[in-house]
PDB file of N, CA and C in Angstrom:
ATOM      1  N   UNK A   1     -53.289 114.898 -11.071  1.00  0.00           N
ATOM      2  CA  UNK A   1     -54.363 113.922 -10.981  1.00  0.00           C
ATOM      3  C   UNK A   1     -53.899 112.573 -11.483  1.00  0.00           C
ATOM      4  N   UNK A   2     -54.537 111.555 -10.964  1.00  0.00           N
ATOM      5  CA  UNK A   2     -54.199 110.193 -11.357  1.00  0.00           C
ATOM      6  C   UNK A   2     -54.838 109.840 -12.689  1.00  0.00           C
ATOM      7  N   UNK A   3     -54.083 109.164 -13.528  1.00  0.00           N
ATOM      8  CA  UNK A   3     -54.603 108.635 -14.785  1.00  0.00           C
ATOM      9  C   UNK A   3     -55.100 107.219 -14.501  1.00  0.00           C
ATOM     10  N   UNK A   4     -56.427 106.954 -14.601  1.00  0.00           N
ATOM     11  CA  UNK A   4     -56.952 105.635 -14.233  1.00  0.00           C
ATOM     12  C   UNK A   4     -56.437 104.503 -15.113  1.00  0.00           C
ATOM     13  N   UNK A   5     -55.900 104.816 -16.294  1.00  0.00           N
ATOM     14  CA  UNK A   5     -55.377 103.774 -17.165  1.00  0.00           C
ATOM     15  C   UNK A   5     -53.888 103.541 -16.961  1.00  0.00           C
ATOM     16  N   UNK A   6     -53.281 104.269 -16.059  1.00  0.00           N
ATOM     17  CA  UNK A   6     -51.848 104.164 -15.837  1.00  0.00           C
ATOM     18  C   UNK A   6     -51.548 103.240 -14.667  1.00  0.00           C
ATOM     19  N   UNK A   7     -50.467 102.474 -14.760  1.00  0.00           N
ATOM     20  CA  UNK A   7     -50.017 101.661 -13.649  1.00  0.00           C
ATOM     21  C   UNK A   7     -48.893 102.360 -12.883  1.00  0.00           C
ATOM     22  N   UNK A   8     -48.705 103.643 -13.141  1.00  0.00           N
ATOM     23  CA  UNK A   8     -47.666 104.417 -12.473  1.00  0.00           C
ATOM     24  C   UNK A   8     -48.304 105.258 -11.379  1.00  0.00           C
ATOM     25  N   UNK A   9     -47.731 105.185 -10.175  1.00  0.00           N
ATOM     26  CA  UNK A   9     -48.259 105.977  -9.079  1.00  0.00           C
ATOM     27  C   UNK A   9     -47.955 107.444  -9.287  1.00  0.00           C
ATOM     28  N   UNK A  10     -48.887 108.288  -8.904  1.00  0.00           N
ATOM     29  CA  UNK A  10     -48.697 109.718  -8.942  1.00  0.00           C
ATOM     30  C   UNK A  10     -47.899 110.105  -7.702  1.00  0.00           C
ATOM     31  N   UNK A  11     -46.829 110.896  -7.834  1.00  0.00           N
ATOM     32  CA  UNK A  11     -46.050 111.286  -6.663  1.00  0.00           C
ATOM     33  C   UNK A  11     -46.940 111.934  -5.602  1.00  0.00           C
ATOM     34  N   UNK A  12     -46.690 111.577  -4.351  1.00  0.00           N
ATOM     35  CA  UNK A  12     -47.417 112.119  -3.202  1.00  0.00           C
ATOM     36  C   UNK A  12     -48.915 111.801  -3.249  1.00  0.00           C
ATOM     37  N   UNK A  13     -49.302 110.750  -3.958  1.00  0.00           N
ATOM     38  CA  UNK A  13     -50.710 110.402  -4.055  1.00  0.00           C
ATOM     39  C   UNK A  13     -51.247 109.863  -2.744  1.00  0.00           C
ATOM     40  N   UNK A  14     -50.381 109.341  -1.885  1.00  0.00           N
ATOM     41  CA  UNK A  14     -50.832 108.851  -0.593  1.00  0.00           C
ATOM     42  C   UNK A  14     -51.064 107.361  -0.571  1.00  0.00           C
ATOM     43  N   UNK A  15     -51.908 106.836  -1.439  1.00  0.00           N
ATOM     44  CA  UNK A  15     -52.205 105.406  -1.486  1.00  0.00           C
ATOM     45  C   UNK A  15     -51.411 104.789  -2.623  1.00  0.00           C
ATOM     46  N   UNK A  16     -50.669 103.736  -2.323  1.00  0.00           N
ATOM     47  CA  UNK A  16     -49.939 103.018  -3.365  1.00  0.00           C
ATOM     48  C   UNK A  16     -50.569 101.643  -3.509  1.00  0.00           C
ATOM     49  N   UNK A  17     -51.025 101.316  -4.698  1.00  0.00           N
ATOM     50  CA  UNK A  17     -51.726 100.062  -4.979  1.00  0.00           C
ATOM     51  C   UNK A  17     -50.960  99.277  -6.025  1.00  0.00           C
ATOM     52  N   UNK A  18     -50.800  97.976  -5.803  1.00  0.00           N
ATOM     53  CA  UNK A  18     -50.128  97.097  -6.760  1.00  0.00           C
ATOM     54  C   UNK A  18     -50.840  95.748  -6.789  1.00  0.00           C
ATOM     55  N   UNK A  19     -50.795  95.101  -7.946  1.00  0.00           N
ATOM     56  CA  UNK A  19     -51.369  93.772  -8.126  1.00  0.00           C
ATOM     57  C   UNK A  19     -50.273  92.887  -8.697  1.00  0.00           C
ATOM     58  N   UNK A  20     -49.964  91.781  -8.004  1.00  0.00           N
ATOM     59  CA  UNK A  20     -48.897  90.907  -8.480  1.00  0.00           C
ATOM     60  C   UNK A  20     -49.135  89.480  -8.017  1.00  0.00           C
ATOM     61  N   UNK A  21     -48.821  88.449  -8.759  1.00  0.00           N
ATOM     62  CA  UNK A  21     -48.373  88.550 -10.138  1.00  0.00           C
ATOM     63  C   UNK A  21     -49.506  89.020 -11.040  1.00  0.00           C
ATOM     64  N   UNK A  22     -49.136  89.514 -12.181  1.00  0.00           N
ATOM     65  CA  UNK A  22     -50.112  90.027 -13.118  1.00  0.00           C
ATOM     66  C   UNK A  22     -49.533  89.897 -14.516  1.00  0.00           C
ATOM     67  N   UNK A  23     -50.059  89.025 -15.375  1.00  0.00           N
ATOM     68  CA  UNK A  23     -51.250  88.191 -15.251  1.00  0.00           C
ATOM     69  C   UNK A  23     -51.087  87.122 -14.164  1.00  0.00           C
ATOM     70  N   UNK A  24     -52.251  86.554 -13.768  1.00  0.00           N
ATOM     71  CA  UNK A  24     -52.219  85.584 -12.682  1.00  0.00           C
ATOM     72  C   UNK A  24     -53.128  84.398 -12.953  1.00  0.00           C
ATOM     73  N   UNK A  25     -52.828  83.313 -12.262  1.00  0.00           N
ATOM     74  CA  UNK A  25     -53.637  82.110 -12.204  1.00  0.00           C
ATOM     75  C   UNK A  25     -52.997  81.221 -11.146  1.00  0.00           C
ATOM     76  N   UNK A  26     -53.633  80.822 -10.127  1.00  0.00           N
ATOM     77  CA  UNK A  26     -55.050  81.022  -9.831  1.00  0.00           C
ATOM     78  C   UNK A  26     -55.324  82.186  -8.881  1.00  0.00           C
ATOM     79  N   UNK A  27     -54.275  82.845  -8.365  1.00  0.00           N
ATOM     80  CA  UNK A  27     -54.477  83.862  -7.334  1.00  0.00           C
ATOM     81  C   UNK A  27     -53.503  85.012  -7.530  1.00  0.00           C
ATOM     82  N   UNK A  28     -53.929  86.218  -7.126  1.00  0.00           N
ATOM     83  CA  UNK A  28     -53.054  87.377  -7.173  1.00  0.00           C
ATOM     84  C   UNK A  28     -53.080  88.081  -5.823  1.00  0.00           C
ATOM     85  N   UNK A  29     -52.021  88.803  -5.530  1.00  0.00           N
ATOM     86  CA  UNK A  29     -51.921  89.561  -4.283  1.00  0.00           C
ATOM     87  C   UNK A  29     -52.128  91.038  -4.579  1.00  0.00           C
ATOM     88  N   UNK A  30     -52.981  91.645  -3.788  1.00  0.00           N
ATOM     89  CA  UNK A  30     -53.254  93.079  -3.887  1.00  0.00           C
ATOM     90  C   UNK A  30     -52.539  93.734  -2.714  1.00  0.00           C
ATOM     91  N   UNK A  31     -51.567  94.581  -3.009  1.00  0.00           N
ATOM     92  CA  UNK A  31     -50.800  95.275  -1.972  1.00  0.00           C
ATOM     93  C   UNK A  31     -51.121  96.757  -2.022  1.00  0.00           C
ATOM     94  N   UNK A  32     -51.257  97.351  -0.856  1.00  0.00           N
ATOM     95  CA  UNK A  32     -51.474  98.790  -0.817  1.00  0.00           C
ATOM     96  C   UNK A  32     -50.883  99.352   0.454  1.00  0.00           C
ATOM     97  N   UNK A  33     -50.564 100.629   0.388  1.00  0.00           N
ATOM     98  CA  UNK A  33     -49.973 101.335   1.514  1.00  0.00           C
ATOM     99  C   UNK A  33     -50.800 102.584   1.778  1.00  0.00           C
ATOM    100  N   UNK A  34     -51.096 102.816   3.038  1.00  0.00           N
ATOM    101  CA  UNK A  34     -51.886 103.978   3.437  1.00  0.00           C
ATOM    102  C   UNK A  34     -51.033 104.928   4.268  1.00  0.00           C
ATOM    103  N   UNK A  35     -51.110 106.225   4.003  1.00  0.00           N
ATOM    104  CA  UNK A  35     -50.301 107.177   4.748  1.00  0.00           C
ATOM    105  C   UNK A  35     -50.784 107.387   6.176  1.00  0.00           C
ATOM    106  N   UNK A  36     -52.057 107.043   6.432  1.00  0.00           N
ATOM    107  CA  UNK A  36     -52.612 107.199   7.783  1.00  0.00           C
ATOM    108  C   UNK A  36     -53.741 106.191   7.967  1.00  0.00           C
ATOM    109  N   UNK A  37     -54.153 105.982   9.193  1.00  0.00           N
ATOM    110  CA  UNK A  37     -55.264 105.071   9.468  1.00  0.00           C
ATOM    111  C   UNK A  37     -56.542 105.630   8.834  1.00  0.00           C
ATOM    112  N   UNK A  38     -57.289 104.759   8.163  1.00  0.00           N
ATOM    113  CA  UNK A  38     -58.521 105.168   7.492  1.00  0.00           C
ATOM    114  C   UNK A  38     -59.324 103.934   7.121  1.00  0.00           C
ATOM    115  N   UNK A  39     -60.569 104.134   6.750  1.00  0.00           N
ATOM    116  CA  UNK A  39     -61.350 103.029   6.194  1.00  0.00           C
ATOM    117  C   UNK A  39     -60.969 102.903   4.729  1.00  0.00           C
ATOM    118  N   UNK A  40     -61.137 101.713   4.210  1.00  0.00           N
ATOM    119  CA  UNK A  40     -60.892 101.491   2.784  1.00  0.00           C
ATOM    120  C   UNK A  40     -61.807 100.385   2.289  1.00  0.00           C
ATOM    121  N   UNK A  41     -62.239 100.558   1.061  1.00  0.00           N
ATOM    122  CA  UNK A  41     -62.969  99.511   0.365  1.00  0.00           C
ATOM    123  C   UNK A  41     -62.100  99.068  -0.799  1.00  0.00           C
ATOM    124  N   UNK A  42     -61.846  97.763  -0.876  1.00  0.00           N
ATOM    125  CA  UNK A  42     -61.059  97.212  -1.976  1.00  0.00           C
ATOM    126  C   UNK A  42     -61.963  96.218  -2.697  1.00  0.00           C
ATOM    127  N   UNK A  43     -62.182  96.473  -3.987  1.00  0.00           N
ATOM    128  CA  UNK A  43     -63.067  95.615  -4.759  1.00  0.00           C
ATOM    129  C   UNK A  43     -62.477  95.261  -6.098  1.00  0.00           C
ATOM    130  N   UNK A  44     -63.048  94.223  -6.701  1.00  0.00           N
ATOM    131  CA  UNK A  44     -62.666  93.791  -8.041  1.00  0.00           C
ATOM    132  C   UNK A  44     -63.886  93.993  -8.930  1.00  0.00           C
ATOM    133  N   UNK A  45     -63.657  94.608 -10.097  1.00  0.00           N
ATOM    134  CA  UNK A  45     -64.733  94.940 -11.032  1.00  0.00           C
ATOM    135  C   UNK A  45     -64.415  94.352 -12.392  1.00  0.00           C
ATOM    136  N   UNK A  46     -65.476  93.999 -13.146  1.00  0.00           N
ATOM    137  CA  UNK A  46     -65.242  93.613 -14.529  1.00  0.00           C
ATOM    138  C   UNK A  46     -65.124  94.889 -15.358  1.00  0.00           C
ATOM    139  N   UNK A  47     -64.809  94.755 -16.631  1.00  0.00           N
ATOM    140  CA  UNK A  47     -64.556  95.937 -17.448  1.00  0.00           C
ATOM    141  C   UNK A  47     -65.810  96.750 -17.747  1.00  0.00           C
ATOM    142  N   UNK A  48     -66.984  96.201 -17.470  1.00  0.00           N
ATOM    143  CA  UNK A  48     -68.214  96.978 -17.642  1.00  0.00           C
ATOM    144  C   UNK A  48     -68.581  97.728 -16.362  1.00  0.00           C
ATOM    145  N   UNK A  49     -67.740  97.581 -15.320  1.00  0.00           N
ATOM    146  CA  UNK A  49     -67.956  98.317 -14.083  1.00  0.00           C
ATOM    147  C   UNK A  49     -68.758  97.583 -13.034  1.00  0.00           C
ATOM    148  N   UNK A  50     -69.147  96.348 -13.294  1.00  0.00           N
ATOM    149  CA  UNK A  50     -69.904  95.569 -12.306  1.00  0.00           C
ATOM    150  C   UNK A  50     -68.966  95.026 -11.246  1.00  0.00           C
ATOM    151  N   UNK A  51     -69.399  95.118  -9.999  1.00  0.00           N
ATOM    152  CA  UNK A  51     -68.625  94.585  -8.885  1.00  0.00           C
ATOM    153  C   UNK A  51     -68.594  93.063  -8.966  1.00  0.00           C
ATOM    154  N   UNK A  52     -67.404  92.497  -8.932  1.00  0.00           N
ATOM    155  CA  UNK A  52     -67.213  91.051  -8.990  1.00  0.00           C
ATOM    156  C   UNK A  52     -67.012  90.495  -7.590  1.00  0.00           C
ATOM    157  N   UNK A  53     -66.160  91.153  -6.788  1.00  0.00           N
ATOM    158  CA  UNK A  53     -65.850  90.669  -5.447  1.00  0.00           C
ATOM    159  C   UNK A  53     -65.398  91.839  -4.570  1.00  0.00           C
ATOM    160  N   UNK A  54     -65.728  91.770  -3.304  1.00  0.00           N
ATOM    161  CA  UNK A  54     -65.260  92.742  -2.316  1.00  0.00           C
ATOM    162  C   UNK A  54     -64.155  92.067  -1.512  1.00  0.00           C
ATOM    163  N   UNK A  55     -62.954  92.609  -1.591  1.00  0.00           N
ATOM    164  CA  UNK A  55     -61.831  92.042  -0.851  1.00  0.00           C
ATOM    165  C   UNK A  55     -61.749  92.590   0.561  1.00  0.00           C
ATOM    166  N   UNK A  56     -62.196  93.822   0.759  1.00  0.00           N
ATOM    167  CA  UNK A  56     -62.174  94.432   2.089  1.00  0.00           C
ATOM    168  C   UNK A  56     -63.097  95.636   2.116  1.00  0.00           C
ATOM    169  N   UNK A  57     -63.714  95.839   3.258  1.00  0.00           N
ATOM    170  CA  UNK A  57     -64.502  97.046   3.539  1.00  0.00           C
ATOM    171  C   UNK A  57     -64.370  97.245   5.035  1.00  0.00           C
ATOM    172  N   UNK A  58     -63.306  97.942   5.431  1.00  0.00           N
ATOM    173  CA  UNK A  58     -62.986  98.010   6.854  1.00  0.00           C
ATOM    174  C   UNK A  58     -62.000  99.131   7.156  1.00  0.00           C
ATOM    175  N   UNK A  59     -61.735  99.322   8.421  1.00  0.00           N
ATOM    176  CA  UNK A  59     -60.726 100.274   8.877  1.00  0.00           C
ATOM    177  C   UNK A  59     -59.361  99.610   8.804  1.00  0.00           C
ATOM    178  N   UNK A  60     -58.371 100.358   8.323  1.00  0.00           N
ATOM    179  CA  UNK A  60     -56.998  99.880   8.240  1.00  0.00           C
ATOM    180  C   UNK A  60     -56.084 100.844   8.982  1.00  0.00           C
ATOM    181  N   UNK A  61     -55.006 100.322   9.512  1.00  0.00           N
ATOM    182  CA  UNK A  61     -53.977 101.156  10.127  1.00  0.00           C
ATOM    183  C   UNK A  61     -53.115 101.762   9.026  1.00  0.00           C
ATOM    184  N   UNK A  62     -52.343 102.772   9.358  1.00  0.00           N
ATOM    185  CA  UNK A  62     -51.380 103.332   8.406  1.00  0.00           C
ATOM    186  C   UNK A  62     -50.341 102.266   8.103  1.00  0.00           C
ATOM    187  N   UNK A  63     -49.806 102.296   6.882  1.00  0.00           N
ATOM    188  CA  UNK A  63     -48.759 101.349   6.513  1.00  0.00           C
ATOM    189  C   UNK A  63     -49.177 100.419   5.399  1.00  0.00           C
ATOM    190  N   UNK A  64     -48.415  99.338   5.256  1.00  0.00           N
ATOM    191  CA  UNK A  64     -48.605  98.393   4.160  1.00  0.00           C
ATOM    192  C   UNK A  64     -49.571  97.278   4.532  1.00  0.00           C
ATOM    193  N   UNK A  65     -50.365  96.867   3.534  1.00  0.00           N
ATOM    194  CA  UNK A  65     -51.350  95.800   3.726  1.00  0.00           C
ATOM    195  C   UNK A  65     -51.391  94.940   2.478  1.00  0.00           C
ATOM    196  N   UNK A  66     -51.767  93.672   2.638  1.00  0.00           N
ATOM    197  CA  UNK A  66     -51.939  92.784   1.489  1.00  0.00           C
ATOM    198  C   UNK A  66     -53.246  92.020   1.623  1.00  0.00           C
ATOM    199  N   UNK A  67     -53.874  91.798   0.484  1.00  0.00           N
ATOM    200  CA  UNK A  67     -55.076  90.989   0.364  1.00  0.00           C
ATOM    201  C   UNK A  67     -54.845  90.064  -0.819  1.00  0.00           C
ATOM    202  N   UNK A  68     -55.686  89.062  -0.982  1.00  0.00           N
ATOM    203  CA  UNK A  68     -55.552  88.214  -2.157  1.00  0.00           C
ATOM    204  C   UNK A  68     -56.906  88.046  -2.828  1.00  0.00           C
ATOM    205  N   UNK A  69     -56.847  87.795  -4.128  1.00  0.00           N
ATOM    206  CA  UNK A  69     -58.044  87.486  -4.897  1.00  0.00           C
ATOM    207  C   UNK A  69     -57.792  86.198  -5.653  1.00  0.00           C
ATOM    208  N   UNK A  70     -58.718  85.260  -5.498  1.00  0.00           N
ATOM    209  CA  UNK A  70     -58.571  83.932  -6.083  1.00  0.00           C
ATOM    210  C   UNK A  70     -59.298  83.765  -7.414  1.00  0.00           C
ATOM    211  N   UNK A  71     -59.695  84.872  -8.039  1.00  0.00           N
ATOM    212  CA  UNK A  71     -60.353  84.794  -9.331  1.00  0.00           C
ATOM    213  C   UNK A  71     -61.799  84.340  -9.263  1.00  0.00           C
ATOM    214  N   UNK A  72     -62.397  84.422  -8.061  1.00  0.00           N
ATOM    215  CA  UNK A  72     -63.794  84.027  -7.891  1.00  0.00           C
ATOM    216  C   UNK A  72     -64.637  85.249  -7.554  1.00  0.00           C
ATOM    217  N   UNK A  73     -65.933  85.142  -7.826  1.00  0.00           N
ATOM    218  CA  UNK A  73     -66.826  86.249  -7.490  1.00  0.00           C
ATOM    219  C   UNK A  73     -67.347  86.099  -6.064  1.00  0.00           C
ATOM    220  N   UNK A  74     -68.239  86.987  -5.670  1.00  0.00           N
ATOM    221  CA  UNK A  74     -68.754  86.979  -4.290  1.00  0.00           C
ATOM    222  C   UNK A  74     -69.532  85.710  -3.964  1.00  0.00           C
ATOM    223  N   UNK A  75     -69.972  84.972  -4.976  1.00  0.00           N
ATOM    224  CA  UNK A  75     -70.712  83.726  -4.772  1.00  0.00           C
ATOM    225  C   UNK A  75     -69.802  82.508  -4.821  1.00  0.00           C
ATOM    226  N   UNK A  76     -68.500  82.729  -4.982  1.00  0.00           N
ATOM    227  CA  UNK A  76     -67.542  81.632  -5.019  1.00  0.00           C
ATOM    228  C   UNK A  76     -67.375  80.971  -6.370  1.00  0.00           C
ATOM    229  N   UNK A  77     -67.968  81.564  -7.399  1.00  0.00           N
ATOM    230  CA  UNK A  77     -67.869  80.999  -8.739  1.00  0.00           C
ATOM    231  C   UNK A  77     -66.624  81.533  -9.452  1.00  0.00           C
ATOM    232  N   UNK A  78     -65.926  80.656 -10.155  1.00  0.00           N
ATOM    233  CA  UNK A  78     -64.721  81.049 -10.883  1.00  0.00           C
ATOM    234  C   UNK A  78     -65.082  82.001 -12.014  1.00  0.00           C
ATOM    235  N   UNK A  79     -64.362  83.095 -12.091  1.00  0.00           N
ATOM    236  CA  UNK A  79     -64.562  84.068 -13.159  1.00  0.00           C
ATOM    237  C   UNK A  79     -63.789  83.622 -14.391  1.00  0.00           C
ATOM    238  N   UNK A  80     -64.263  84.008 -15.577  1.00  0.00           N
ATOM    239  CA  UNK A  80     -63.559  83.623 -16.804  1.00  0.00           C
ATOM    240  C   UNK A  80     -62.261  84.412 -16.974  1.00  0.00           C
ATOM    241  N   UNK A  81     -61.409  83.905 -17.847  1.00  0.00           N
ATOM    242  CA  UNK A  81     -60.196  84.638 -18.201  1.00  0.00           C
ATOM    243  C   UNK A  81     -60.578  86.023 -18.696  1.00  0.00           C
ATOM    244  N   UNK A  82     -59.727  86.986 -18.399  1.00  0.00           N
ATOM    245  CA  UNK A  82     -59.979  88.329 -18.883  1.00  0.00           C
ATOM    246  C   UNK A  82     -59.367  89.374 -17.988  1.00  0.00           C
ATOM    247  N   UNK A  83     -59.637  90.620 -18.316  1.00  0.00           N
ATOM    248  CA  UNK A  83     -59.117  91.759 -17.551  1.00  0.00           C
ATOM    249  C   UNK A  83     -60.142  92.199 -16.517  1.00  0.00           C
ATOM    250  N   UNK A  84     -59.640  92.561 -15.366  1.00  0.00           N
ATOM    251  CA  UNK A  84     -60.463  93.043 -14.259  1.00  0.00           C
ATOM    252  C   UNK A  84     -59.794  94.283 -13.690  1.00  0.00           C
ATOM    253  N   UNK A  85     -60.546  95.057 -12.953  1.00  0.00           N
ATOM    254  CA  UNK A  85     -60.028  96.255 -12.306  1.00  0.00           C
ATOM    255  C   UNK A  85     -60.068  96.047 -10.797  1.00  0.00           C
ATOM    256  N   UNK A  86     -58.917  96.202 -10.154  1.00  0.00           N
ATOM    257  CA  UNK A  86     -58.845  96.194  -8.692  1.00  0.00           C
ATOM    258  C   UNK A  86     -58.848  97.656  -8.278  1.00  0.00           C
ATOM    259  N   UNK A  87     -59.769  98.004  -7.384  1.00  0.00           N
ATOM    260  CA  UNK A  87     -59.979  99.415  -7.018  1.00  0.00           C
ATOM    261  C   UNK A  87     -59.967  99.564  -5.510  1.00  0.00           C
ATOM    262  N   UNK A  88     -59.237 100.564  -5.029  1.00  0.00           N
ATOM    263  CA  UNK A  88     -59.262 100.911  -3.612  1.00  0.00           C
ATOM    264  C   UNK A  88     -59.841 102.311  -3.472  1.00  0.00           C
ATOM    265  N   UNK A  89     -60.731 102.459  -2.522  1.00  0.00           N
ATOM    266  CA  UNK A  89     -61.319 103.761  -2.224  1.00  0.00           C
ATOM    267  C   UNK A  89     -61.155 104.034  -0.741  1.00  0.00           C
ATOM    268  N   UNK A  90     -60.639 105.233  -0.420  1.00  0.00           N
ATOM    269  CA  UNK A  90     -60.584 105.707   0.965  1.00  0.00           C
ATOM    270  C   UNK A  90     -61.377 107.003   1.018  1.00  0.00           C
ATOM    271  N   UNK A  91     -61.387 107.624   2.178  1.00  0.00           N
ATOM    272  CA  UNK A  91     -62.117 108.890   2.285  1.00  0.00           C
ATOM    273  C   UNK A  91     -61.439 110.027   1.525  1.00  0.00           C
ATOM    274  N   UNK A  92     -60.205 109.808   1.067  1.00  0.00           N
ATOM    275  CA  UNK A  92     -59.471 110.859   0.366  1.00  0.00           C
ATOM    276  C   UNK A  92     -59.084 110.521  -1.074  1.00  0.00           C
ATOM    277  N   UNK A  93     -59.090 109.260  -1.448  1.00  0.00           N
ATOM    278  CA  UNK A  93     -58.506 108.885  -2.734  1.00  0.00           C
ATOM    279  C   UNK A  93     -59.155 107.621  -3.274  1.00  0.00           C
ATOM    280  N   UNK A  94     -59.205 107.540  -4.595  1.00  0.00           N
ATOM    281  CA  UNK A  94     -59.594 106.326  -5.310  1.00  0.00           C
ATOM    282  C   UNK A  94     -58.462 105.990  -6.266  1.00  0.00           C
ATOM    283  N   UNK A  95     -58.075 104.730  -6.285  1.00  0.00           N
ATOM    284  CA  UNK A  95     -57.002 104.318  -7.180  1.00  0.00           C
ATOM    285  C   UNK A  95     -57.342 102.936  -7.722  1.00  0.00           C
ATOM    286  N   UNK A  96     -56.912 102.640  -8.941  1.00  0.00           N
ATOM    287  CA  UNK A  96     -57.219 101.344  -9.524  1.00  0.00           C
ATOM    288  C   UNK A  96     -56.051 100.822 -10.343  1.00  0.00           C
ATOM    289  N   UNK A  97     -56.049  99.503 -10.520  1.00  0.00           N
ATOM    290  CA  UNK A  97     -55.050  98.818 -11.334  1.00  0.00           C
ATOM    291  C   UNK A  97     -55.768  97.718 -12.118  1.00  0.00           C
ATOM    292  N   UNK A  98     -55.268  97.457 -13.313  1.00  0.00           N
ATOM    293  CA  UNK A  98     -55.790  96.345 -14.102  1.00  0.00           C
ATOM    294  C   UNK A  98     -55.136  95.047 -13.623  1.00  0.00           C
ATOM    295  N   UNK A  99     -55.932  93.983 -13.647  1.00  0.00           N
ATOM    296  CA  UNK A  99     -55.419  92.643 -13.341  1.00  0.00           C
ATOM    297  C   UNK A  99     -55.941  91.706 -14.419  1.00  0.00           C
ATOM    298  N   UNK A 100     -55.067  90.821 -14.901  1.00  0.00           N
ATOM    299  CA  UNK A 100     -55.472  89.904 -15.957  1.00  0.00           C
ATOM    300  C   UNK A 100     -55.458  88.466 -15.435  1.00  0.00           C
ATOM    301  N   UNK A 101     -56.634  87.857 -15.457  1.00  0.00           N
ATOM    302  CA  UNK A 101     -56.796  86.464 -15.050  1.00  0.00           C
ATOM    303  C   UNK A 101     -56.669  85.587 -16.293  1.00  0.00           C
ATOM    304  N   UNK A 102     -55.767  84.607 -16.234  1.00  0.00           N
ATOM    305  CA  UNK A 102     -55.531  83.701 -17.352  1.00  0.00           C
ATOM    306  C   UNK A 102     -55.812  82.287 -16.867  1.00  0.00           C
ATOM    307  N   UNK A 103     -56.848  81.681 -17.385  1.00  0.00           N
ATOM    308  CA  UNK A 103     -57.222  80.317 -16.979  1.00  0.00           C
ATOM    309  C   UNK A 103     -56.661  79.309 -17.946  1.00  0.00           C
TER     310      UNK A 103
END
């Protein structure tokens, strides 16, 4: 099983998620790889679990994909410095990584 506090991928987990640069300012790239075509939701959450921004909610092909987050919420407002969780969910797996925004 995946350890949600770990930045190490579990072997054969299927979805590989990375956030770089980390820490970041003003923008970070969210990279992920899917073993097969599937829908995925990629979101950014604050540490209390509230959704800050939705980066994607769509069907993806198998392979590597990149998205970016500019440190703003769904209303376009700049978020404060701090730690956030980038989370990807597919029909088979949920994975997350911490991202630190430094203003």
